[in-house]
């Protein structure tokens, strides 16, 4: 039997020819490996924790910290914090006075997984809606929101 790069030919008189295509096995194996790697390397970021936590009651605070499962792309990630009275369309929670939306400056931890939002001044007493959006290496935007109370 004589083996060539892509076929195996028997030396007997049966003229049997067997085609071996090793590149298909390698290609399939490589594709499976890349697919498995892509799902772990390019996972969407998930919000793991926050301070204050969703639905929490906190003391007056000057910052919000959001911890994610993936390294974030800072230029595509951010938050908005506003008093709930400004976010309710039905006016049920409007107290009659206008609370300004706090100005915020964001920074990121060394590992790139934590967004730190520092307010120009501590948040006054009230209920706040925090909306966040995050983008990691897969470049898919994920977003969420939650309320917290400052007392």
N, C-alpha and C. Protein backbone atom coordinates (compact mmCIF):
# COMPACT_ATOMS: atom_id res chain seq x y z
N UNK A 1 0.85 -1.15 0.00
CA UNK A 1 0.00 0.00 0.00
C UNK A 1 0.90 1.23 0.00
N UNK A 2 0.58 2.18 -0.83
CA UNK A 2 1.36 3.40 -0.94
C UNK A 2 0.48 4.56 -0.48
N UNK A 3 1.02 5.43 0.40
CA UNK A 3 0.26 6.56 0.93
C UNK A 3 0.81 7.83 0.30
N UNK A 4 -0.07 8.62 -0.27
CA UNK A 4 0.32 9.92 -0.80
C UNK A 4 -0.29 10.98 0.11
N UNK A 5 -0.07 12.22 -0.23
CA UNK A 5 -0.51 13.31 0.64
C UNK A 5 -2.02 13.29 0.89
N UNK A 6 -2.79 12.95 -0.11
CA UNK A 6 -4.22 12.99 0.11
C UNK A 6 -4.93 11.69 -0.21
N UNK A 7 -4.17 10.63 -0.60
CA UNK A 7 -4.85 9.38 -0.89
C UNK A 7 -3.98 8.18 -0.58
N UNK A 8 -4.63 7.12 -0.34
CA UNK A 8 -3.97 5.87 -0.03
C UNK A 8 -4.35 4.87 -1.11
N UNK A 9 -3.35 4.30 -1.81
CA UNK A 9 -3.63 3.40 -2.92
C UNK A 9 -3.05 2.04 -2.58
N UNK A 10 -3.86 1.01 -2.71
CA UNK A 10 -3.42 -0.35 -2.43
C UNK A 10 -2.57 -0.85 -3.59
N UNK A 11 -1.53 -1.61 -3.29
CA UNK A 11 -0.66 -2.14 -4.34
C UNK A 11 -1.18 -3.46 -4.88
N UNK A 12 -2.27 -3.96 -4.33
CA UNK A 12 -2.84 -5.21 -4.83
C UNK A 12 -3.60 -4.95 -6.13
N UNK A 13 -4.04 -5.98 -6.76
CA UNK A 13 -4.73 -5.85 -8.04
C UNK A 13 -6.19 -5.44 -7.89
N UNK A 14 -6.64 -5.16 -6.68
CA UNK A 14 -8.05 -4.82 -6.49
C UNK A 14 -8.36 -3.39 -6.88
N UNK A 15 -7.34 -2.62 -7.15
CA UNK A 15 -7.49 -1.21 -7.54
C UNK A 15 -8.38 -0.43 -6.56
N UNK A 16 -8.19 -0.71 -5.28
CA UNK A 16 -8.94 -0.02 -4.23
C UNK A 16 -8.24 1.30 -3.94
N UNK A 17 -9.01 2.34 -3.93
CA UNK A 17 -8.44 3.65 -3.63
C UNK A 17 -9.21 4.25 -2.46
N UNK A 18 -8.50 4.71 -1.47
CA UNK A 18 -9.11 5.30 -0.28
C UNK A 18 -8.63 6.74 -0.19
N UNK A 19 -9.54 7.65 -0.21
CA UNK A 19 -9.16 9.06 -0.10
C UNK A 19 -9.20 9.46 1.36
N UNK A 20 -8.10 9.99 1.83
CA UNK A 20 -8.00 10.47 3.20
C UNK A 20 -7.85 11.98 3.13
N UNK A 21 -8.71 12.68 3.83
CA UNK A 21 -8.68 14.14 3.81
C UNK A 21 -8.46 14.66 5.22
N UNK A 22 -7.22 14.63 5.65
CA UNK A 22 -6.95 15.04 7.03
C UNK A 22 -7.26 16.51 7.29
N UNK A 23 -7.22 17.34 6.28
CA UNK A 23 -7.48 18.75 6.49
C UNK A 23 -8.90 19.01 6.97
N UNK A 24 -9.87 18.15 6.61
CA UNK A 24 -11.23 18.35 7.09
C UNK A 24 -11.30 18.13 8.60
N UNK A 25 -10.61 17.13 9.09
CA UNK A 25 -10.59 16.87 10.53
C UNK A 25 -9.92 18.02 11.27
N UNK A 26 -8.80 18.48 10.72
CA UNK A 26 -8.08 19.59 11.35
C UNK A 26 -8.92 20.85 11.29
N UNK A 27 -9.56 21.12 10.15
CA UNK A 27 -10.39 22.31 10.01
C UNK A 27 -11.55 22.28 10.98
N UNK A 28 -12.23 21.14 11.08
CA UNK A 28 -13.35 21.02 12.00
C UNK A 28 -12.89 21.19 13.44
N UNK A 29 -11.79 20.57 13.79
CA UNK A 29 -11.25 20.69 15.15
C UNK A 29 -10.86 22.11 15.48
N UNK A 30 -10.23 22.80 14.52
CA UNK A 30 -9.83 24.19 14.72
C UNK A 30 -11.07 25.08 14.87
N UNK A 31 -12.09 24.84 14.04
CA UNK A 31 -13.31 25.63 14.14
C UNK A 31 -13.99 25.43 15.49
N UNK A 32 -14.02 24.20 15.97
CA UNK A 32 -14.63 23.92 17.27
C UNK A 32 -13.85 24.61 18.39
N UNK A 33 -12.53 24.58 18.30
CA UNK A 33 -11.69 25.22 19.31
C UNK A 33 -11.91 26.73 19.31
N UNK A 34 -11.95 27.34 18.14
CA UNK A 34 -12.17 28.78 18.04
C UNK A 34 -13.55 29.17 18.55
N UNK A 35 -14.55 28.36 18.24
CA UNK A 35 -15.91 28.66 18.71
C UNK A 35 -15.96 28.60 20.23
N UNK A 36 -15.32 27.62 20.83
CA UNK A 36 -15.31 27.51 22.29
C UNK A 36 -14.57 28.68 22.91
N UNK A 37 -13.47 29.09 22.29
CA UNK A 37 -12.70 30.21 22.81
C UNK A 37 -13.49 31.51 22.65
N UNK A 38 -14.17 31.67 21.54
CA UNK A 38 -14.92 32.90 21.29
C UNK A 38 -16.03 33.09 22.31
N UNK A 39 -16.67 32.03 22.74
CA UNK A 39 -17.74 32.19 23.71
C UNK A 39 -17.21 32.61 25.07
N UNK A 40 -16.00 32.24 25.39
CA UNK A 40 -15.46 32.67 26.68
C UNK A 40 -14.76 34.02 26.57
N UNK A 41 -14.07 34.26 25.48
CA UNK A 41 -13.32 35.51 25.34
C UNK A 41 -14.22 36.68 24.97
N UNK A 42 -15.34 36.42 24.33
CA UNK A 42 -16.20 37.50 23.87
C UNK A 42 -17.58 37.44 24.51
N UNK A 43 -17.61 37.16 25.78
CA UNK A 43 -18.89 37.13 26.49
C UNK A 43 -19.35 38.55 26.75
N UNK A 44 -20.65 38.74 26.82
CA UNK A 44 -21.19 40.05 27.14
C UNK A 44 -20.90 40.36 28.61
N UNK A 45 -20.60 41.63 28.92
CA UNK A 45 -20.38 41.95 30.32
C UNK A 45 -21.69 41.88 31.10
N UNK A 46 -21.61 41.35 32.31
CA UNK A 46 -22.76 41.28 33.22
C UNK A 46 -22.45 42.14 34.43
N UNK A 47 -23.44 42.82 34.93
CA UNK A 47 -23.29 43.57 36.17
C UNK A 47 -23.25 42.57 37.32
N UNK A 48 -22.12 42.52 38.03
CA UNK A 48 -21.97 41.58 39.14
C UNK A 48 -22.42 42.18 40.47
N UNK A 49 -22.10 43.47 40.66
CA UNK A 49 -22.48 44.12 41.91
C UNK A 49 -22.46 45.63 41.71
N UNK A 50 -23.10 46.32 42.64
CA UNK A 50 -23.09 47.78 42.62
C UNK A 50 -23.19 48.31 44.03
N UNK A 51 -22.64 49.50 44.21
CA UNK A 51 -22.74 50.22 45.47
C UNK A 51 -23.18 51.64 45.14
N UNK A 52 -24.37 52.05 45.54
CA UNK A 52 -25.38 51.30 46.26
C UNK A 52 -25.97 50.19 45.39
N UNK A 53 -26.54 49.20 46.05
CA UNK A 53 -27.15 48.07 45.36
C UNK A 53 -28.54 48.46 44.85
N UNK A 54 -29.05 47.73 43.87
CA UNK A 54 -30.42 47.98 43.42
C UNK A 54 -31.42 47.88 44.58
N UNK A 55 -32.34 48.83 44.63
CA UNK A 55 -33.40 48.91 45.64
C UNK A 55 -32.87 49.16 47.06
N UNK A 56 -31.61 49.50 47.18
CA UNK A 56 -31.02 49.74 48.51
C UNK A 56 -31.34 51.15 48.99
N UNK A 57 -31.26 51.32 50.30
CA UNK A 57 -31.32 52.64 50.91
C UNK A 57 -29.93 52.95 51.43
N UNK A 58 -29.39 54.07 50.98
CA UNK A 58 -28.00 54.41 51.31
C UNK A 58 -27.94 55.78 51.99
N UNK A 59 -26.87 55.99 52.72
CA UNK A 59 -26.57 57.31 53.27
C UNK A 59 -26.16 58.21 52.11
N UNK A 60 -26.21 59.53 52.30
CA UNK A 60 -25.77 60.41 51.22
C UNK A 60 -24.40 59.96 50.71
N UNK A 61 -24.30 59.81 49.42
CA UNK A 61 -23.09 59.28 48.81
C UNK A 61 -22.59 60.18 47.70
N UNK A 62 -21.31 60.15 47.50
CA UNK A 62 -20.69 60.95 46.45
C UNK A 62 -20.26 60.12 45.26
N UNK A 63 -20.55 58.82 45.30
CA UNK A 63 -20.14 57.98 44.17
C UNK A 63 -21.01 56.74 44.04
N UNK A 64 -20.97 56.15 42.86
CA UNK A 64 -21.60 54.88 42.56
C UNK A 64 -20.52 54.00 41.94
N UNK A 65 -20.47 52.74 42.34
CA UNK A 65 -19.48 51.79 41.83
C UNK A 65 -20.21 50.61 41.22
N UNK A 66 -19.90 50.31 39.97
CA UNK A 66 -20.49 49.17 39.27
C UNK A 66 -19.38 48.19 38.89
N UNK A 67 -19.52 46.94 39.29
CA UNK A 67 -18.51 45.89 39.00
C UNK A 67 -19.09 44.94 37.96
N UNK A 68 -18.33 44.72 36.86
CA UNK A 68 -18.78 43.89 35.75
C UNK A 68 -17.92 42.63 35.61
N UNK A 69 -18.43 41.69 34.83
CA UNK A 69 -17.77 40.40 34.64
C UNK A 69 -16.64 40.45 33.62
N UNK A 70 -16.61 41.47 32.79
CA UNK A 70 -15.63 41.58 31.72
C UNK A 70 -14.93 42.93 31.77
N UNK A 71 -13.77 42.99 31.15
CA UNK A 71 -13.05 44.26 31.00
C UNK A 71 -13.88 45.15 30.05
N UNK A 72 -14.12 46.37 30.44
CA UNK A 72 -14.98 47.29 29.70
C UNK A 72 -14.19 48.16 28.72
N UNK A 73 -14.87 48.62 27.69
CA UNK A 73 -14.31 49.63 26.79
C UNK A 73 -14.82 50.97 27.29
N UNK A 74 -13.99 51.76 27.97
CA UNK A 74 -14.45 52.99 28.62
C UNK A 74 -15.12 53.99 27.67
N UNK A 75 -14.63 54.09 26.45
CA UNK A 75 -15.20 55.06 25.52
C UNK A 75 -16.62 54.70 25.09
N UNK A 76 -17.07 53.47 25.37
CA UNK A 76 -18.41 53.02 24.98
C UNK A 76 -19.27 52.63 26.18
N UNK A 77 -18.81 52.92 27.39
CA UNK A 77 -19.49 52.53 28.62
C UNK A 77 -19.81 53.76 29.44
N UNK A 78 -20.97 53.77 30.10
CA UNK A 78 -21.28 54.92 30.93
C UNK A 78 -22.53 54.72 31.76
N UNK A 79 -22.85 55.75 32.55
CA UNK A 79 -24.05 55.73 33.38
C UNK A 79 -24.74 57.08 33.33
N UNK A 80 -26.01 57.07 33.70
CA UNK A 80 -26.79 58.28 33.93
C UNK A 80 -27.50 58.09 35.25
N UNK A 81 -27.49 59.08 36.08
CA UNK A 81 -28.19 59.04 37.36
C UNK A 81 -29.10 60.27 37.40
N UNK A 82 -30.38 60.03 37.70
CA UNK A 82 -31.33 61.14 37.77
C UNK A 82 -32.35 60.86 38.87
N UNK A 83 -32.86 61.92 39.49
CA UNK A 83 -33.93 61.73 40.46
C UNK A 83 -35.13 61.07 39.80
N UNK A 84 -35.80 60.19 40.51
CA UNK A 84 -36.94 59.45 39.94
C UNK A 84 -38.03 60.40 39.49
N UNK A 85 -38.25 61.49 40.19
CA UNK A 85 -39.31 62.43 39.82
C UNK A 85 -39.15 62.89 38.38
N UNK A 86 -37.93 62.95 37.87
CA UNK A 86 -37.70 63.37 36.49
C UNK A 86 -37.92 62.23 35.51
N UNK A 87 -38.01 61.01 35.99
CA UNK A 87 -38.15 59.87 35.11
C UNK A 87 -39.57 59.30 35.07
N UNK A 88 -40.45 59.77 35.93
CA UNK A 88 -41.83 59.27 35.96
C UNK A 88 -42.68 60.11 35.01
N UNK A 89 -43.30 59.47 34.06
CA UNK A 89 -44.14 60.19 33.10
C UNK A 89 -45.51 60.51 33.68
N UNK A 90 -45.97 59.68 34.59
CA UNK A 90 -47.32 59.90 35.12
C UNK A 90 -47.36 60.96 36.21
N UNK A 91 -46.21 61.42 36.67
CA UNK A 91 -46.15 62.48 37.67
C UNK A 91 -46.49 62.04 39.07
N UNK A 92 -46.73 60.76 39.29
CA UNK A 92 -47.14 60.27 40.61
C UNK A 92 -46.08 60.52 41.67
N UNK A 93 -44.82 60.55 41.29
CA UNK A 93 -43.77 60.74 42.28
C UNK A 93 -43.16 62.15 42.23
N UNK A 94 -43.78 63.02 41.45
CA UNK A 94 -43.24 64.37 41.34
C UNK A 94 -43.58 65.14 42.61
N UNK A 95 -42.58 65.70 43.24
CA UNK A 95 -42.78 66.35 44.54
C UNK A 95 -43.08 67.84 44.42
N UNK A 96 -43.15 68.35 43.20
CA UNK A 96 -43.46 69.76 43.05
C UNK A 96 -42.22 70.61 42.87
N UNK A 97 -41.05 70.11 43.20
CA UNK A 97 -39.83 70.87 42.96
C UNK A 97 -38.90 70.06 42.06
N UNK A 98 -38.10 70.78 41.35
CA UNK A 98 -37.21 70.15 40.37
C UNK A 98 -35.85 69.89 41.00
N UNK A 99 -35.45 68.61 41.01
CA UNK A 99 -34.12 68.27 41.51
C UNK A 99 -33.19 68.18 40.30
N UNK A 100 -32.06 68.86 40.34
CA UNK A 100 -31.16 68.82 39.19
C UNK A 100 -30.52 67.44 39.02
N UNK A 101 -30.26 67.08 37.78
CA UNK A 101 -29.55 65.83 37.50
C UNK A 101 -28.10 66.04 37.93
N UNK A 102 -27.57 65.16 38.75
CA UNK A 102 -26.20 65.36 39.24
C UNK A 102 -25.17 65.19 38.12
N UNK A 103 -24.15 66.05 38.16
CA UNK A 103 -23.05 65.88 37.20
C UNK A 103 -22.13 64.78 37.73
N UNK A 104 -21.59 64.00 36.82
CA UNK A 104 -20.81 62.83 37.21
C UNK A 104 -19.54 62.73 36.36
N UNK A 105 -18.48 62.27 37.02
CA UNK A 105 -17.21 62.00 36.34
C UNK A 105 -16.91 60.52 36.53
N UNK A 106 -16.60 59.81 35.44
CA UNK A 106 -16.36 58.37 35.54
C UNK A 106 -14.89 58.04 35.39
N UNK A 107 -14.51 56.97 36.09
CA UNK A 107 -13.17 56.40 35.95
C UNK A 107 -13.33 54.89 36.06
N UNK A 108 -12.23 54.17 35.84
CA UNK A 108 -12.27 52.71 35.80
C UNK A 108 -11.14 52.12 36.64
N UNK A 109 -11.40 50.94 37.20
CA UNK A 109 -10.38 50.26 38.00
C UNK A 109 -9.24 49.79 37.10
N UNK A 110 -8.14 49.39 37.70
CA UNK A 110 -6.98 48.91 36.93
C UNK A 110 -7.31 47.71 36.05
N UNK A 111 -8.16 46.80 36.56
CA UNK A 111 -8.50 45.63 35.75
C UNK A 111 -9.54 45.93 34.69
N UNK A 112 -10.09 47.15 34.69
CA UNK A 112 -11.03 47.57 33.66
C UNK A 112 -12.44 47.03 33.82
N UNK A 113 -12.71 46.35 34.94
CA UNK A 113 -14.02 45.74 35.13
C UNK A 113 -14.94 46.55 36.04
N UNK A 114 -14.42 47.60 36.63
CA UNK A 114 -15.22 48.39 37.58
C UNK A 114 -15.32 49.83 37.11
N UNK A 115 -16.55 50.32 37.02
CA UNK A 115 -16.82 51.71 36.67
C UNK A 115 -17.09 52.45 37.97
N UNK A 116 -16.40 53.56 38.16
CA UNK A 116 -16.56 54.38 39.36
C UNK A 116 -17.08 55.75 38.91
N UNK A 117 -18.27 56.10 39.36
CA UNK A 117 -18.88 57.38 39.01
C UNK A 117 -18.85 58.27 40.24
N UNK A 118 -18.16 59.40 40.13
CA UNK A 118 -18.04 60.33 41.25
C UNK A 118 -18.86 61.58 40.92
N UNK A 119 -19.73 61.97 41.86
CA UNK A 119 -20.58 63.14 41.67
C UNK A 119 -19.86 64.40 42.14
N UNK A 120 -20.23 65.52 41.56
CA UNK A 120 -19.63 66.80 41.95
C UNK A 120 -19.90 67.10 43.42
N UNK A 121 -21.06 66.66 43.91
CA UNK A 121 -21.39 66.79 45.34
C UNK A 121 -22.25 65.57 45.71
N UNK A 122 -22.29 65.24 47.00
CA UNK A 122 -23.09 64.07 47.41
C UNK A 122 -24.55 64.20 46.96
N UNK A 123 -25.14 63.08 46.65
CA UNK A 123 -26.54 63.09 46.23
C UNK A 123 -27.43 63.46 47.40
N UNK A 124 -28.37 64.37 47.20
CA UNK A 124 -29.30 64.70 48.27
C UNK A 124 -30.33 63.60 48.47
N UNK A 125 -31.07 63.70 49.57
CA UNK A 125 -32.11 62.73 49.88
C UNK A 125 -33.09 62.61 48.71
N UNK A 126 -33.43 61.36 48.39
CA UNK A 126 -34.38 61.13 47.30
C UNK A 126 -34.21 59.75 46.70
N UNK A 127 -35.05 59.45 45.73
CA UNK A 127 -34.98 58.19 45.01
C UNK A 127 -34.36 58.47 43.65
N UNK A 128 -33.42 57.63 43.25
CA UNK A 128 -32.68 57.84 42.00
C UNK A 128 -32.81 56.64 41.08
N UNK A 129 -32.82 56.94 39.79
CA UNK A 129 -32.79 55.91 38.76
C UNK A 129 -31.40 55.95 38.13
N UNK A 130 -30.72 54.82 38.18
CA UNK A 130 -29.40 54.70 37.58
C UNK A 130 -29.54 53.84 36.32
N UNK A 131 -29.18 54.39 35.17
CA UNK A 131 -29.18 53.66 33.90
C UNK A 131 -27.72 53.48 33.50
N UNK A 132 -27.36 52.24 33.16
CA UNK A 132 -25.99 51.98 32.74
C UNK A 132 -25.98 51.27 31.39
N UNK A 133 -24.89 51.46 30.67
CA UNK A 133 -24.65 50.69 29.45
C UNK A 133 -23.17 50.33 29.44
N UNK A 134 -22.88 49.12 28.98
CA UNK A 134 -21.50 48.63 29.02
C UNK A 134 -21.18 47.88 27.72
N UNK A 135 -19.93 48.04 27.29
CA UNK A 135 -19.44 47.35 26.10
C UNK A 135 -18.09 46.75 26.45
N UNK A 136 -17.92 45.48 26.11
CA UNK A 136 -16.64 44.79 26.33
C UNK A 136 -16.03 44.45 24.98
N UNK A 137 -15.10 43.52 24.96
CA UNK A 137 -14.34 43.18 23.76
C UNK A 137 -15.22 42.70 22.61
N UNK A 138 -16.37 42.11 22.91
CA UNK A 138 -17.22 41.61 21.83
C UNK A 138 -17.95 42.74 21.11
N UNK A 139 -17.87 43.96 21.62
CA UNK A 139 -18.47 45.20 21.10
C UNK A 139 -19.99 45.19 21.07
N UNK A 140 -20.63 44.27 21.78
CA UNK A 140 -22.09 44.30 21.90
C UNK A 140 -22.47 45.10 23.14
N UNK A 141 -23.35 46.05 22.95
CA UNK A 141 -23.78 46.90 24.06
C UNK A 141 -24.84 46.18 24.88
N UNK A 142 -24.65 46.16 26.18
CA UNK A 142 -25.66 45.67 27.11
C UNK A 142 -26.02 46.82 28.03
N UNK A 143 -27.23 46.78 28.56
CA UNK A 143 -27.66 47.90 29.40
C UNK A 143 -28.61 47.41 30.48
N UNK A 144 -28.79 48.26 31.46
CA UNK A 144 -29.70 47.95 32.54
C UNK A 144 -30.01 49.20 33.33
N UNK A 145 -30.86 49.05 34.30
CA UNK A 145 -31.20 50.17 35.17
C UNK A 145 -31.72 49.66 36.49
N UNK A 146 -31.61 50.50 37.50
CA UNK A 146 -32.18 50.16 38.80
C UNK A 146 -32.36 51.45 39.59
N UNK A 147 -33.18 51.35 40.61
CA UNK A 147 -33.40 52.49 41.52
C UNK A 147 -32.71 52.23 42.84
N UNK A 148 -32.34 53.31 43.50
CA UNK A 148 -31.86 53.26 44.88
C UNK A 148 -32.32 54.53 45.57
N UNK A 149 -32.30 54.48 46.90
CA UNK A 149 -32.79 55.60 47.70
C UNK A 149 -31.65 56.15 48.54
N UNK A 150 -31.57 57.48 48.64
CA UNK A 150 -30.62 58.15 49.53
C UNK A 150 -31.43 58.79 50.64
N UNK A 151 -31.06 58.47 51.90
CA UNK A 151 -31.77 59.02 53.08
C UNK A 151 -30.80 59.76 53.97
